[in-house]
Amino acid sequence: MDASLGPSALIALLGGILSFLSPCVLPIVPPYLAYMGGSTIDAMTEGRDRGVIGKALFFVMGLSTVFLFMGFAASAFGQIFLQYQREMAWIAGGVIILFGLHFLGILRIPLLYREARFDAGDRGGSLFGAYILGLAFAFGWTPCIGPVLGAILSLAAQEGSISRGVVLMGFYAIGLGIPFLLAAIFMRRFLSSMGRLKRHMGRIEKAMGVLLLVVGVLLVTGLFTELSFWLLETFPALAVVG
């Protein structure tokens, strides 16, 4: 972990948070938490079922497992084609720009309106069941998550080592997972805030589009690498962090 990974890590973290706030994820958080806890939303709101916090933790561990393996696979793929890294950056940047235009409403991609769901069966009420639900959630991400996740995986493929790609996906998992835990701990406040957040869903989608556009342009122009080098030159001590 050093300064050269900083910009990618920050983008991955922001991508995870925006994925949580997306119209595909935010509305399903309370019923997801209630189901995997074998409880009800009312019981969680009134603080009568604190066991759901532990199950939310295992849920986050489940989705993190999948994302970390994705980071490993993307980085390994990138290592194979390391000699074509510049060409890969152009392709990845172009695809990410298309995703950004989709979220901004400039270009609509029909494929991104489809959902891939993985049926985990009746797994609510246990720690293992919550972990399995986390796996299922990550495997069956909705179109709102797919483009952002694809952008982060593209960044992981650009990293110089497999371990750095895995770390990058770890930041994405943190950005998506921590809000799940906070929602389980502060369910009453979370539910009261959802109404306000829903009114800003359009802005959240636009923010996702802008983030993807910026990442795509930086990759295509090579400025992403230059930004990393600038951080190393400006803050030399960051080169030995971690």
Protein backbone atom coordinates (compact mmCIF):
# COMPACT_ATOMS: atom_id res chain seq x y z
CA MET A 1 0.00 0.00 0.00
CA ASP A 2 1.58 3.28 -1.12
CA ALA A 3 0.67 6.60 -2.69
CA SER A 4 0.46 5.13 -6.18
CA LEU A 5 -2.50 3.05 -5.05
CA GLY A 6 -4.16 5.98 -3.28
CA PRO A 7 -6.26 7.42 -6.15
CA SER A 8 -7.57 3.98 -7.14
CA ALA A 9 -8.32 3.09 -3.52
CA LEU A 10 -10.24 6.33 -2.99
CA ILE A 11 -12.28 5.76 -6.15
CA ALA A 12 -12.99 2.18 -5.09
CA LEU A 13 -14.17 3.34 -1.67
CA LEU A 14 -16.42 6.04 -3.17
CA GLY A 15 -17.71 3.49 -5.70
CA GLY A 16 -18.74 1.15 -2.90
CA ILE A 17 -20.58 3.91 -1.05
CA LEU A 18 -22.38 5.05 -4.21
CA SER A 19 -23.29 1.43 -4.97
CA PHE A 20 -24.95 1.19 -1.55
CA LEU A 21 -26.86 4.42 -2.16
CA SER A 22 -27.98 3.35 -5.64
CA PRO A 23 -31.71 2.86 -6.42
CA CYS A 24 -31.12 -0.88 -6.81
CA VAL A 25 -29.61 -1.43 -3.36
CA LEU A 26 -30.82 1.17 -0.86
CA PRO A 27 -34.54 0.22 -0.88
CA ILE A 28 -33.84 -3.49 -0.29
CA VAL A 29 -31.51 -2.99 2.69
CA PRO A 30 -34.17 -3.13 5.48
CA PRO A 31 -35.96 -6.27 4.18
CA TYR A 32 -32.59 -7.92 3.45
CA LEU A 33 -31.43 -7.28 7.01
CA ALA A 34 -34.73 -8.45 8.48
CA TYR A 35 -34.78 -11.62 6.38
CA MET A 36 -31.23 -12.72 7.10
CA GLY A 37 -31.77 -11.96 10.78
CA GLY A 38 -34.96 -14.02 10.88
CA SER A 39 -36.63 -10.96 12.37
CA THR A 40 -38.92 -8.10 11.37
CA ILE A 41 -38.16 -4.50 10.50
CA ASP A 42 -40.28 -3.34 13.47
CA ALA A 43 -38.28 -5.49 15.90
CA MET A 44 -35.02 -4.16 14.51
CA THR A 45 -36.27 -0.57 14.65
CA GLU A 46 -37.27 -0.93 18.30
CA GLY A 47 -33.95 -2.52 19.22
CA ARG A 48 -35.53 -5.86 20.18
CA ASP A 49 -33.26 -7.89 17.89
CA ARG A 50 -29.63 -6.95 18.29
CA GLY A 51 -28.51 -10.32 16.92
CA VAL A 52 -29.02 -9.00 13.42
CA ILE A 53 -25.79 -6.97 13.78
CA GLY A 54 -23.69 -10.13 13.92
CA LYS A 55 -25.57 -11.53 10.94
CA ALA A 56 -25.04 -8.29 9.05
CA LEU A 57 -21.31 -8.70 9.71
CA PHE A 58 -21.35 -12.21 8.21
CA PHE A 59 -23.38 -10.87 5.27
CA VAL A 60 -20.67 -8.29 4.61
CA MET A 61 -18.01 -11.00 4.93
CA GLY A 62 -19.87 -13.01 2.28
CA LEU A 63 -20.03 -10.24 -0.28
CA SER A 64 -16.44 -9.24 0.52
CA THR A 65 -15.27 -12.79 -0.19
CA VAL A 66 -16.69 -12.61 -3.72
CA PHE A 67 -15.31 -9.14 -4.40
CA LEU A 68 -11.82 -10.12 -3.21
CA PHE A 69 -11.83 -13.16 -5.49
CA MET A 70 -12.96 -10.89 -8.34
CA GLY A 71 -10.04 -8.59 -7.59
CA PHE A 72 -7.68 -11.57 -7.63
CA ALA A 73 -9.05 -12.77 -10.98
CA ALA A 74 -8.97 -9.30 -12.57
CA SER A 75 -5.40 -8.69 -11.41
CA ALA A 76 -4.27 -12.11 -12.60
CA PHE A 77 -5.81 -11.38 -16.00
CA GLY A 78 -4.04 -8.05 -16.08
CA GLN A 79 -0.72 -9.73 -15.25
CA ILE A 80 -1.09 -12.05 -18.26
CA PHE A 81 -1.48 -9.09 -20.61
CA LEU A 82 0.95 -6.81 -18.79
CA GLN A 83 2.81 -5.99 -22.01
CA TYR A 84 -0.46 -4.61 -23.43
CA GLN A 85 -1.30 -2.54 -20.36
CA ARG A 86 -1.65 0.70 -22.34
CA GLU A 87 -4.08 -0.90 -24.79
CA MET A 88 -6.01 -2.44 -21.88
CA ALA A 89 -6.27 1.00 -20.30
CA TRP A 90 -7.78 2.39 -23.51
CA ILE A 91 -10.33 -0.40 -23.74
CA ALA A 92 -11.22 -0.29 -20.04
CA GLY A 93 -11.45 3.50 -20.10
CA GLY A 94 -13.74 3.44 -23.13
CA VAL A 95 -16.09 0.92 -21.52
CA ILE A 96 -16.16 2.90 -18.27
CA ILE A 97 -16.98 6.09 -20.19
CA LEU A 98 -19.93 4.30 -21.79
CA PHE A 99 -21.15 3.28 -18.31
CA GLY A 100 -20.82 6.89 -17.17
CA LEU A 101 -22.84 8.17 -20.12
CA HIS A 102 -25.51 5.57 -19.27
CA PHE A 103 -25.90 6.89 -15.71
CA LEU A 104 -25.99 10.47 -16.95
CA GLY A 105 -28.87 9.56 -19.27
CA ILE A 106 -26.93 10.52 -22.40
CA LEU A 107 -26.65 6.95 -23.66
CA ARG A 108 -28.94 4.11 -22.55
CA ILE A 109 -27.56 0.56 -22.56
CA PRO A 110 -30.47 -1.95 -22.45
CA LEU A 111 -28.27 -4.72 -21.03
CA LEU A 112 -27.75 -2.72 -17.83
CA TYR A 113 -31.48 -2.83 -17.07
CA ARG A 114 -31.33 -6.60 -16.66
CA GLU A 115 -30.60 -8.27 -13.34
CA ALA A 116 -28.60 -11.42 -12.63
CA ARG A 117 -29.95 -12.98 -9.46
CA PHE A 118 -28.60 -15.98 -7.58
CA ASP A 119 -31.19 -17.89 -5.55
CA ALA A 120 -29.77 -18.62 -2.10
CA GLY A 121 -32.91 -20.41 -0.96
CA ASP A 122 -34.27 -20.09 2.58
CA ARG A 123 -31.12 -19.02 4.40
CA GLY A 124 -32.37 -16.46 6.89
CA GLY A 125 -31.87 -16.56 10.64
CA SER A 126 -28.31 -17.92 11.04
CA LEU A 127 -24.77 -16.62 10.75
CA PHE A 128 -23.98 -19.14 8.02
CA GLY A 129 -27.18 -18.21 6.22
CA ALA A 130 -26.22 -14.52 6.36
CA TYR A 131 -22.81 -15.38 4.87
CA ILE A 132 -24.48 -17.33 2.04
CA LEU A 133 -26.81 -14.38 1.40
CA GLY A 134 -23.75 -12.14 1.15
CA LEU A 135 -22.28 -14.45 -1.46
CA ALA A 136 -25.59 -14.50 -3.34
CA PHE A 137 -25.88 -10.70 -3.19
CA ALA A 138 -22.40 -10.24 -4.66
CA PHE A 139 -22.95 -12.85 -7.39
CA GLY A 140 -26.35 -11.41 -8.30
CA TRP A 141 -25.52 -7.72 -8.32
CA THR A 142 -28.08 -5.49 -10.00
CA PRO A 143 -27.41 -3.20 -12.99
CA CYS A 144 -26.83 -0.26 -10.66
CA ILE A 145 -23.83 -2.00 -9.12
CA GLY A 146 -22.53 -3.71 -12.25
CA PRO A 147 -21.03 -0.67 -14.06
CA VAL A 148 -19.34 0.71 -10.93
CA LEU A 149 -18.04 -2.73 -10.00
CA GLY A 150 -16.80 -3.18 -13.57
CA ALA A 151 -14.93 0.12 -13.34
CA ILE A 152 -13.22 -0.91 -10.11
CA LEU A 153 -12.32 -4.31 -11.58
CA SER A 154 -10.80 -2.50 -14.57
CA LEU A 155 -8.65 -0.49 -12.18
CA ALA A 156 -7.67 -3.72 -10.40
CA ALA A 157 -6.57 -5.20 -13.73
CA GLN A 158 -4.29 -2.18 -14.24
CA GLU A 159 -2.42 -2.71 -10.97
CA GLY A 160 1.11 -4.03 -11.04
CA SER A 161 0.48 -7.00 -8.76
CA ILE A 162 -2.30 -9.35 -7.76
CA SER A 163 -2.10 -8.29 -4.10
CA ARG A 164 -2.69 -4.63 -5.02
CA GLY A 165 -5.74 -5.60 -7.07
CA VAL A 166 -7.15 -7.54 -4.14
CA VAL A 167 -6.53 -4.58 -1.82
CA LEU A 168 -8.36 -2.33 -4.28
CA MET A 169 -11.44 -4.58 -4.26
CA GLY A 170 -11.17 -4.67 -0.48
CA PHE A 171 -11.71 -0.91 -0.45
CA TYR A 172 -14.77 -1.35 -2.66
CA ALA A 173 -16.11 -4.00 -0.26
CA ILE A 174 -15.53 -1.62 2.68
CA GLY A 175 -17.41 1.17 0.92
CA LEU A 176 -20.37 -1.12 0.24
CA GLY A 177 -20.24 -3.19 3.43
CA ILE A 178 -19.78 -0.61 6.20
CA PRO A 179 -23.10 1.15 5.38
CA PHE A 180 -24.85 -2.25 5.70
CA LEU A 181 -23.43 -2.63 9.21
CA LEU A 182 -24.36 0.94 10.15
CA ALA A 183 -27.90 0.36 8.86
CA ALA A 184 -28.20 -2.74 11.07
CA ILE A 185 -26.89 -0.88 14.14
CA PHE A 186 -28.92 2.30 13.63
CA MET A 187 -32.01 0.91 11.87
CA ARG A 188 -34.41 3.54 13.21
CA ARG A 189 -32.25 6.43 12.01
CA PHE A 190 -31.58 4.65 8.75
CA LEU A 191 -35.28 4.23 8.00
CA SER A 192 -35.98 7.87 8.82
CA SER A 193 -33.16 8.92 6.49
CA MET A 194 -34.27 6.71 3.60
CA GLY A 195 -37.13 9.03 2.70
CA ARG A 196 -34.74 11.94 2.30
CA LEU A 197 -32.23 9.85 0.37
CA LYS A 198 -34.87 8.56 -2.06
CA ARG A 199 -35.62 12.14 -3.10
CA HIS A 200 -32.01 12.46 -4.24
CA MET A 201 -31.73 9.18 -6.17
CA GLY A 202 -31.45 11.06 -9.45
CA ARG A 203 -28.50 13.06 -8.14
CA ILE A 204 -26.86 9.90 -6.81
CA GLU A 205 -27.08 8.30 -10.26
CA LYS A 206 -25.60 11.42 -11.81
CA ALA A 207 -22.77 11.34 -9.26
CA MET A 208 -22.08 7.73 -10.23
CA GLY A 209 -22.01 8.78 -13.88
CA VAL A 210 -19.58 11.64 -13.23
CA LEU A 211 -17.30 9.34 -11.19
CA LEU A 212 -17.21 6.79 -14.01
CA LEU A 213 -16.60 9.44 -16.66
CA VAL A 214 -13.67 10.87 -14.70
CA VAL A 215 -12.13 7.43 -14.18
CA GLY A 216 -12.61 6.52 -17.84
CA VAL A 217 -11.04 9.73 -19.15
CA LEU A 218 -8.10 9.39 -16.75
CA LEU A 219 -7.46 5.84 -17.96
CA VAL A 220 -7.74 6.67 -21.66
CA THR A 221 -5.47 9.71 -21.43
CA GLY A 222 -2.92 8.07 -19.12
CA LEU A 223 -3.44 10.80 -16.52
CA PHE A 224 -4.30 8.19 -13.88
CA THR A 225 -0.70 6.95 -13.88
CA GLU A 226 0.61 10.49 -13.90
CA LEU A 227 -1.55 11.32 -10.88
CA SER A 228 -0.04 8.38 -8.99
CA PHE A 229 3.51 9.47 -9.88
CA TRP A 230 2.70 13.03 -8.82
CA LEU A 231 1.61 11.79 -5.39
CA LEU A 232 4.83 9.80 -5.01
CA GLU A 233 6.97 12.79 -6.01
CA THR A 234 5.06 15.24 -3.83
CA PHE A 235 4.84 12.99 -0.79
CA PRO A 236 7.86 10.62 -0.91
CA ALA A 237 7.09 9.20 2.53
CA LEU A 238 3.90 7.65 1.15
CA ALA A 239 6.00 5.30 -0.98
CA VAL A 240 6.79 3.18 2.08
CA VAL A 241 3.31 3.12 3.62
CA GLY A 242 2.41 -0.51 4.32
